[in-house]
Amino acid sequence: MTDKNLMYEIQRIGFALIEANLYLDAYPWDKDALAYFGDMTNKYKELVLKYEETCGPLTVAQNGTDSWKWTETPWPWELEAN
């Protein structure tokens, strides 16, 4: 899977999580929705971990405290990133 496809999947699963969250706000007793939310959460974490292994931190929360990794990889507008 390319980096762009991986990012697309992260965005797609992230959108599904938001929608499931909104549904569960109204129907918190729906066991199928809770299971779906759990599955999507696990898939999202898996995809983010895979992305970060190849591309670096996705958000500032994943940066860590041992170094400032944002500056170690090319920015999206730099030729090396594409």
PDB file of N, CA and C in Angstrom:
ATOM      1  N   MET A   1       0.849  -1.176   0.000  1.00  0.00           N
ATOM      2  CA  MET A   1       0.000   0.000   0.000  1.00  0.00           C
ATOM      3  C   MET A   1       0.892   1.236   0.000  1.00  0.00           C
ATOM      4  N   THR A   2       0.620   2.178  -0.900  1.00  0.00           N
ATOM      5  CA  THR A   2       1.419   3.394  -0.954  1.00  0.00           C
ATOM      6  C   THR A   2       1.064   4.312   0.218  1.00  0.00           C
ATOM      7  N   ASP A   3       1.935   5.294   0.461  1.00  0.00           N
ATOM      8  CA  ASP A   3       1.691   6.245   1.544  1.00  0.00           C
ATOM      9  C   ASP A   3       0.375   6.992   1.332  1.00  0.00           C
ATOM     10  N   LYS A   4       0.078   7.354   0.074  1.00  0.00           N
ATOM     11  CA  LYS A   4      -1.165   8.077  -0.215  1.00  0.00           C
ATOM     12  C   LYS A   4      -2.376   7.195   0.039  1.00  0.00           C
ATOM     13  N   ASN A   5      -2.295   5.920  -0.359  1.00  0.00           N
ATOM     14  CA  ASN A   5      -3.405   5.006  -0.104  1.00  0.00           C
ATOM     15  C   ASN A   5      -3.589   4.767   1.389  1.00  0.00           C
ATOM     16  N   LEU A   6      -2.482   4.676   2.094  1.00  0.00           N
ATOM     17  CA  LEU A   6      -2.542   4.485   3.535  1.00  0.00           C
ATOM     18  C   LEU A   6      -3.189   5.689   4.213  1.00  0.00           C
ATOM     19  N   MET A   7      -2.812   6.882   3.787  1.00  0.00           N
ATOM     20  CA  MET A   7      -3.417   8.089   4.347  1.00  0.00           C
ATOM     21  C   MET A   7      -4.913   8.141   4.037  1.00  0.00           C
ATOM     22  N   TYR A   8      -5.286   7.739   2.819  1.00  0.00           N
ATOM     23  CA  TYR A   8      -6.700   7.700   2.450  1.00  0.00           C
ATOM     24  C   TYR A   8      -7.467   6.754   3.373  1.00  0.00           C
ATOM     25  N   GLU A   9      -6.907   5.589   3.646  1.00  0.00           N
ATOM     26  CA  GLU A   9      -7.561   4.617   4.522  1.00  0.00           C
ATOM     27  C   GLU A   9      -7.688   5.164   5.945  1.00  0.00           C
ATOM     28  N   ILE A  10      -6.661   5.858   6.425  1.00  0.00           N
ATOM     29  CA  ILE A  10      -6.721   6.468   7.759  1.00  0.00           C
ATOM     30  C   ILE A  10      -7.847   7.489   7.806  1.00  0.00           C
ATOM     31  N   GLN A  11      -7.964   8.300   6.778  1.00  0.00           N
ATOM     32  CA  GLN A  11      -9.034   9.302   6.736  1.00  0.00           C
ATOM     33  C   GLN A  11     -10.408   8.648   6.638  1.00  0.00           C
ATOM     34  N   ARG A  12     -10.507   7.582   5.847  1.00  0.00           N
ATOM     35  CA  ARG A  12     -11.778   6.890   5.669  1.00  0.00           C
ATOM     36  C   ARG A  12     -12.239   6.249   6.980  1.00  0.00           C
ATOM     37  N   ILE A  13     -11.323   5.562   7.653  1.00  0.00           N
ATOM     38  CA  ILE A  13     -11.666   4.919   8.919  1.00  0.00           C
ATOM     39  C   ILE A  13     -11.928   5.983   9.994  1.00  0.00           C
ATOM     40  N   GLY A  14     -11.174   7.075   9.976  1.00  0.00           N
ATOM     41  CA  GLY A  14     -11.409   8.165  10.922  1.00  0.00           C
ATOM     42  C   GLY A  14     -12.799   8.754  10.770  1.00  0.00           C
ATOM     43  N   PHE A  15     -13.252   8.905   9.522  1.00  0.00           N
ATOM     44  CA  PHE A  15     -14.602   9.399   9.266  1.00  0.00           C
ATOM     45  C   PHE A  15     -15.641   8.414   9.807  1.00  0.00           C
ATOM     46  N   ALA A  16     -15.425   7.115   9.586  1.00  0.00           N
ATOM     47  CA  ALA A  16     -16.346   6.092  10.094  1.00  0.00           C
ATOM     48  C   ALA A  16     -16.420   6.142  11.620  1.00  0.00           C
ATOM     49  N   LEU A  17     -15.277   6.384  12.267  1.00  0.00           N
ATOM     50  CA  LEU A  17     -15.269   6.496  13.731  1.00  0.00           C
ATOM     51  C   LEU A  17     -16.095   7.683  14.212  1.00  0.00           C
ATOM     52  N   ILE A  18     -15.968   8.807  13.543  1.00  0.00           N
ATOM     53  CA  ILE A  18     -16.741   9.992  13.929  1.00  0.00           C
ATOM     54  C   ILE A  18     -18.231   9.731  13.769  1.00  0.00           C
ATOM     55  N   GLU A  19     -18.617   9.124  12.654  1.00  0.00           N
ATOM     56  CA  GLU A  19     -20.028   8.825  12.415  1.00  0.00           C
ATOM     57  C   GLU A  19     -20.565   7.827  13.442  1.00  0.00           C
ATOM     58  N   ALA A  20     -19.783   6.796  13.743  1.00  0.00           N
ATOM     59  CA  ALA A  20     -20.205   5.813  14.748  1.00  0.00           C
ATOM     60  C   ALA A  20     -20.323   6.468  16.125  1.00  0.00           C
ATOM     61  N   ASN A  21     -19.411   7.375  16.418  1.00  0.00           N
ATOM     62  CA  ASN A  21     -19.452   8.100  17.681  1.00  0.00           C
ATOM     63  C   ASN A  21     -20.749   8.895  17.793  1.00  0.00           C
ATOM     64  N   LEU A  22     -21.106   9.616  16.737  1.00  0.00           N
ATOM     65  CA  LEU A  22     -22.338  10.404  16.746  1.00  0.00           C
ATOM     66  C   LEU A  22     -23.567   9.512  16.907  1.00  0.00           C
ATOM     67  N   TYR A  23     -23.571   8.375  16.221  1.00  0.00           N
ATOM     68  CA  TYR A  23     -24.686   7.431  16.349  1.00  0.00           C
ATOM     69  C   TYR A  23     -24.792   6.915  17.781  1.00  0.00           C
ATOM     70  N   LEU A  24     -23.638   6.563  18.361  1.00  0.00           N
ATOM     71  CA  LEU A  24     -23.646   6.029  19.724  1.00  0.00           C
ATOM     72  C   LEU A  24     -24.038   7.072  20.763  1.00  0.00           C
ATOM     73  N   ASP A  25     -23.857   8.346  20.456  1.00  0.00           N
ATOM     74  CA  ASP A  25     -24.342   9.390  21.362  1.00  0.00           C
ATOM     75  C   ASP A  25     -25.859   9.311  21.508  1.00  0.00           C
ATOM     76  N   ALA A  26     -26.545   8.940  20.432  1.00  0.00           N
ATOM     77  CA  ALA A  26     -28.002   8.837  20.454  1.00  0.00           C
ATOM     78  C   ALA A  26     -28.496   7.450  20.862  1.00  0.00           C
ATOM     79  N   TYR A  27     -27.714   6.405  20.524  1.00  0.00           N
ATOM     80  CA  TYR A  27     -28.129   5.022  20.786  1.00  0.00           C
ATOM     81  C   TYR A  27     -27.010   4.242  21.481  1.00  0.00           C
ATOM     82  N   PRO A  28     -26.690   4.609  22.713  1.00  0.00           N
ATOM     83  CA  PRO A  28     -25.540   3.992  23.394  1.00  0.00           C
ATOM     84  C   PRO A  28     -25.734   2.515  23.734  1.00  0.00           C
ATOM     85  N   TRP A  29     -26.925   1.993  23.653  1.00  0.00           N
ATOM     86  CA  TRP A  29     -27.203   0.595  23.986  1.00  0.00           C
ATOM     87  C   TRP A  29     -27.080  -0.339  22.778  1.00  0.00           C
ATOM     88  N   ASP A  30     -26.823   0.195  21.598  1.00  0.00           N
ATOM     89  CA  ASP A  30     -26.740  -0.602  20.373  1.00  0.00           C
ATOM     90  C   ASP A  30     -25.435  -1.407  20.365  1.00  0.00           C
ATOM     91  N   LYS A  31     -25.546  -2.693  20.669  1.00  0.00           N
ATOM     92  CA  LYS A  31     -24.358  -3.556  20.782  1.00  0.00           C
ATOM     93  C   LYS A  31     -23.637  -3.726  19.444  1.00  0.00           C
ATOM     94  N   ASP A  32     -24.371  -3.760  18.351  1.00  0.00           N
ATOM     95  CA  ASP A  32     -23.733  -3.866  17.032  1.00  0.00           C
ATOM     96  C   ASP A  32     -22.905  -2.624  16.725  1.00  0.00           C
ATOM     97  N   ALA A  33     -23.441  -1.470  17.079  1.00  0.00           N
ATOM     98  CA  ALA A  33     -22.721  -0.219  16.851  1.00  0.00           C
ATOM     99  C   ALA A  33     -21.484  -0.144  17.736  1.00  0.00           C
ATOM    100  N   LEU A  34     -21.600  -0.617  18.965  1.00  0.00           N
ATOM    101  CA  LEU A  34     -20.439  -0.638  19.864  1.00  0.00           C
ATOM    102  C   LEU A  34     -19.351  -1.553  19.326  1.00  0.00           C
ATOM    103  N   ALA A  35     -19.756  -2.712  18.796  1.00  0.00           N
ATOM    104  CA  ALA A  35     -18.779  -3.642  18.215  1.00  0.00           C
ATOM    105  C   ALA A  35     -18.128  -3.025  16.987  1.00  0.00           C
ATOM    106  N   TYR A  36     -18.929  -2.364  16.149  1.00  0.00           N
ATOM    107  CA  TYR A  36     -18.407  -1.690  14.955  1.00  0.00           C
ATOM    108  C   TYR A  36     -17.400  -0.615  15.350  1.00  0.00           C
ATOM    109  N   PHE A  37     -17.756   0.184  16.365  1.00  0.00           N
ATOM    110  CA  PHE A  37     -16.863   1.239  16.837  1.00  0.00           C
ATOM    111  C   PHE A  37     -15.546   0.643  17.335  1.00  0.00           C
ATOM    112  N   GLY A  38     -15.624  -0.458  18.058  1.00  0.00           N
ATOM    113  CA  GLY A  38     -14.407  -1.125  18.547  1.00  0.00           C
ATOM    114  C   GLY A  38     -13.552  -1.637  17.402  1.00  0.00           C
ATOM    115  N   ASP A  39     -14.193  -2.244  16.396  1.00  0.00           N
ATOM    116  CA  ASP A  39     -13.455  -2.739  15.227  1.00  0.00           C
ATOM    117  C   ASP A  39     -12.769  -1.598  14.478  1.00  0.00           C
ATOM    118  N   MET A  40     -13.498  -0.513  14.271  1.00  0.00           N
ATOM    119  CA  MET A  40     -12.934   0.632  13.549  1.00  0.00           C
ATOM    120  C   MET A  40     -11.811   1.291  14.348  1.00  0.00           C
ATOM    121  N   THR A  41     -11.955   1.332  15.673  1.00  0.00           N
ATOM    122  CA  THR A  41     -10.903   1.895  16.521  1.00  0.00           C
ATOM    123  C   THR A  41      -9.616   1.081  16.386  1.00  0.00           C
ATOM    124  N   ASN A  42      -9.748  -0.236  16.428  1.00  0.00           N
ATOM    125  CA  ASN A  42      -8.575  -1.098  16.284  1.00  0.00           C
ATOM    126  C   ASN A  42      -7.940  -0.942  14.906  1.00  0.00           C
ATOM    127  N   LYS A  43      -8.752  -0.885  13.865  1.00  0.00           N
ATOM    128  CA  LYS A  43      -8.253  -0.721  12.505  1.00  0.00           C
ATOM    129  C   LYS A  43      -7.542   0.628  12.358  1.00  0.00           C
ATOM    130  N   TYR A  44      -8.126   1.679  12.934  1.00  0.00           N
ATOM    131  CA  TYR A  44      -7.530   3.013  12.871  1.00  0.00           C
ATOM    132  C   TYR A  44      -6.156   3.024  13.537  1.00  0.00           C
ATOM    133  N   LYS A  45      -6.069   2.445  14.723  1.00  0.00           N
ATOM    134  CA  LYS A  45      -4.787   2.394  15.438  1.00  0.00           C
ATOM    135  C   LYS A  45      -3.740   1.620  14.639  1.00  0.00           C
ATOM    136  N   GLU A  46      -4.163   0.520  14.040  1.00  0.00           N
ATOM    137  CA  GLU A  46      -3.259  -0.302  13.223  1.00  0.00           C
ATOM    138  C   GLU A  46      -2.727   0.488  12.016  1.00  0.00           C
ATOM    139  N   LEU A  47      -3.614   1.196  11.345  1.00  0.00           N
ATOM    140  CA  LEU A  47      -3.209   1.970  10.170  1.00  0.00           C
ATOM    141  C   LEU A  47      -2.291   3.127  10.547  1.00  0.00           C
ATOM    142  N   VAL A  48      -2.607   3.804  11.638  1.00  0.00           N
ATOM    143  CA  VAL A  48      -1.768   4.921  12.088  1.00  0.00           C
ATOM    144  C   VAL A  48      -0.374   4.416  12.450  1.00  0.00           C
ATOM    145  N   LEU A  49      -0.300   3.289  13.143  1.00  0.00           N
ATOM    146  CA  LEU A  49       0.997   2.713  13.507  1.00  0.00           C
ATOM    147  C   LEU A  49       1.795   2.371  12.249  1.00  0.00           C
ATOM    148  N   LYS A  50       1.139   1.765  11.276  1.00  0.00           N
ATOM    149  CA  LYS A  50       1.802   1.420  10.018  1.00  0.00           C
ATOM    150  C   LYS A  50       2.295   2.678   9.292  1.00  0.00           C
ATOM    151  N   TYR A  51       1.481   3.718   9.268  1.00  0.00           N
ATOM    152  CA  TYR A  51       1.866   4.970   8.626  1.00  0.00           C
ATOM    153  C   TYR A  51       3.074   5.579   9.329  1.00  0.00           C
ATOM    154  N   GLU A  52       3.031   5.615  10.645  1.00  0.00           N
ATOM    155  CA  GLU A  52       4.112   6.241  11.404  1.00  0.00           C
ATOM    156  C   GLU A  52       5.423   5.478  11.291  1.00  0.00           C
ATOM    157  N   GLU A  53       5.361   4.175  11.087  1.00  0.00           N
ATOM    158  CA  GLU A  53       6.580   3.390  10.908  1.00  0.00           C
ATOM    159  C   GLU A  53       7.304   3.766   9.622  1.00  0.00           C
ATOM    160  N   THR A  54       6.554   4.127   8.602  1.00  0.00           N
ATOM    161  CA  THR A  54       7.165   4.441   7.309  1.00  0.00           C
ATOM    162  C   THR A  54       7.312   5.934   7.056  1.00  0.00           C
ATOM    163  N   CYS A  55       6.414   6.740   7.606  1.00  0.00           N
ATOM    164  CA  CYS A  55       6.390   8.170   7.249  1.00  0.00           C
ATOM    165  C   CYS A  55       6.692   9.111   8.398  1.00  0.00           C
ATOM    166  N   GLY A  56       6.669   8.640   9.628  1.00  0.00           N
ATOM    167  CA  GLY A  56       6.881   9.513  10.775  1.00  0.00           C
ATOM    168  C   GLY A  56       5.570   9.842  11.455  1.00  0.00           C
ATOM    169  N   PRO A  57       5.616  10.677  12.492  1.00  0.00           N
ATOM    170  CA  PRO A  57       4.427  10.976  13.286  1.00  0.00           C
ATOM    171  C   PRO A  57       3.320  11.620  12.442  1.00  0.00           C
ATOM    172  N   LEU A  58       2.099  11.189  12.692  1.00  0.00           N
ATOM    173  CA  LEU A  58       0.950  11.720  11.972  1.00  0.00           C
ATOM    174  C   LEU A  58       0.411  12.979  12.641  1.00  0.00           C
ATOM    175  N   THR A  59       0.447  13.006  13.962  1.00  0.00           N
ATOM    176  CA  THR A  59       0.010  14.183  14.706  1.00  0.00           C
ATOM    177  C   THR A  59       1.057  14.516  15.763  1.00  0.00           C
ATOM    178  N   VAL A  60       0.923  15.674  16.330  1.00  0.00           N
ATOM    179  CA  VAL A  60       1.879  16.102  17.351  1.00  0.00           C
ATOM    180  C   VAL A  60       1.831  15.173  18.565  1.00  0.00           C
ATOM    181  N   ALA A  61       0.699  14.555  18.841  1.00  0.00           N
ATOM    182  CA  ALA A  61       0.575  13.655  19.983  1.00  0.00           C
ATOM    183  C   ALA A  61       1.456  12.417  19.827  1.00  0.00           C
ATOM    184  N   GLN A  62       1.721  11.987  18.585  1.00  0.00           N
ATOM    185  CA  GLN A  62       2.562  10.820  18.358  1.00  0.00           C
ATOM    186  C   GLN A  62       4.035  11.166  18.228  1.00  0.00           C
ATOM    187  N   ASN A  63       4.393  12.411  18.343  1.00  0.00           N
ATOM    188  CA  ASN A  63       5.774  12.826  18.163  1.00  0.00           C
ATOM    189  C   ASN A  63       6.705  12.234  19.212  1.00  0.00           C
ATOM    190  N   GLY A  64       6.249  12.116  20.436  1.00  0.00           N
ATOM    191  CA  GLY A  64       7.118  11.621  21.507  1.00  0.00           C
ATOM    192  C   GLY A  64       7.869  12.761  22.162  1.00  0.00           C
ATOM    193  N   THR A  65       8.668  12.433  23.157  1.00  0.00           N
ATOM    194  CA  THR A  65       9.380  13.474  23.898  1.00  0.00           C
ATOM    195  C   THR A  65      10.887  13.352  23.795  1.00  0.00           C
ATOM    196  N   ASP A  66      11.389  12.290  23.110  1.00  0.00           N
ATOM    197  CA  ASP A  66      12.836  12.113  23.031  1.00  0.00           C
ATOM    198  C   ASP A  66      13.478  13.002  21.968  1.00  0.00           C
ATOM    199  N   SER A  67      12.726  13.420  20.972  1.00  0.00           N
ATOM    200  CA  SER A  67      13.227  14.345  19.946  1.00  0.00           C
ATOM    201  C   SER A  67      12.039  14.996  19.257  1.00  0.00           C
ATOM    202  N   TRP A  68      12.331  15.994  18.488  1.00  0.00           N
ATOM    203  CA  TRP A  68      11.280  16.682  17.756  1.00  0.00           C
ATOM    204  C   TRP A  68      11.294  16.180  16.318  1.00  0.00           C
ATOM    205  N   LYS A  69      10.595  15.066  16.058  1.00  0.00           N
ATOM    206  CA  LYS A  69      10.673  14.330  14.811  1.00  0.00           C
ATOM    207  C   LYS A  69      10.050  15.047  13.617  1.00  0.00           C
ATOM    208  N   TRP A  70       9.285  16.080  13.849  1.00  0.00           N
ATOM    209  CA  TRP A  70       8.654  16.790  12.736  1.00  0.00           C
ATOM    210  C   TRP A  70       9.697  17.293  11.746  1.00  0.00           C
ATOM    211  N   THR A  71      10.854  17.644  12.233  1.00  0.00           N
ATOM    212  CA  THR A  71      11.881  18.234  11.363  1.00  0.00           C
ATOM    213  C   THR A  71      12.770  17.194  10.691  1.00  0.00           C
ATOM    214  N   GLU A  72      12.595  15.911  11.000  1.00  0.00           N
ATOM    215  CA  GLU A  72      13.453  14.868  10.467  1.00  0.00           C
ATOM    216  C   GLU A  72      13.003  14.318   9.114  1.00  0.00           C
ATOM    217  N   THR A  73      11.809  14.627   8.685  1.00  0.00           N
ATOM    218  CA  THR A  73      11.303  14.141   7.402  1.00  0.00           C
ATOM    219  C   THR A  73      10.931  15.333   6.529  1.00  0.00           C
ATOM    220  N   PRO A  74      10.889  15.135   5.212  1.00  0.00           N
ATOM    221  CA  PRO A  74      10.529  16.255   4.341  1.00  0.00           C
ATOM    222  C   PRO A  74       9.069  16.678   4.524  1.00  0.00           C
ATOM    223  N   TRP A  75       8.830  17.952   4.336  1.00  0.00           N
ATOM    224  CA  TRP A  75       7.468  18.473   4.420  1.00  0.00           C
ATOM    225  C   TRP A  75       6.726  18.096   3.144  1.00  0.00           C
ATOM    226  N   PRO A  76       5.411  18.047   3.170  1.00  0.00           N
ATOM    227  CA  PRO A  76       4.646  17.584   2.001  1.00  0.00           C
ATOM    228  C   PRO A  76       4.941  18.365   0.723  1.00  0.00           C
ATOM    229  N   TRP A  77       5.320  19.626   0.828  1.00  0.00           N
ATOM    230  CA  TRP A  77       5.572  20.427  -0.364  1.00  0.00           C
ATOM    231  C   TRP A  77       7.007  20.288  -0.892  1.00  0.00           C
ATOM    232  N   GLU A  78       7.856  19.587  -0.154  1.00  0.00           N
ATOM    233  CA  GLU A  78       9.220  19.361  -0.615  1.00  0.00           C
ATOM    234  C   GLU A  78       9.250  18.171  -1.578  1.00  0.00           C
ATOM    235  N   LEU A  79      10.101  18.227  -2.574  1.00  0.00           N
ATOM    236  CA  LEU A  79      10.169  17.199  -3.617  1.00  0.00           C
ATOM    237  C   LEU A  79      10.419  15.807  -3.045  1.00  0.00           C
ATOM    238  N   GLU A  80      11.235  15.687  -1.999  1.00  0.00           N
ATOM    239  CA  GLU A  80      11.560  14.380  -1.440  1.00  0.00           C
ATOM    240  C   GLU A  80      10.339  13.679  -0.870  1.00  0.00           C
ATOM    241  N   ALA A  81       9.310  14.421  -0.508  1.00  0.00           N
ATOM    242  CA  ALA A  81       8.120  13.832   0.094  1.00  0.00           C
ATOM    243  C   ALA A  81       7.190  13.232  -0.947  1.00  0.00           C
ATOM    244  N   ASN A  82       7.387  13.584  -2.192  1.00  0.00           N
ATOM    245  CA  ASN A  82       6.452  13.126  -3.232  1.00  0.00           C
ATOM    246  C   ASN A  82       7.049  12.095  -4.137  1.00  0.00           C
TER     247      ASN A  82
END
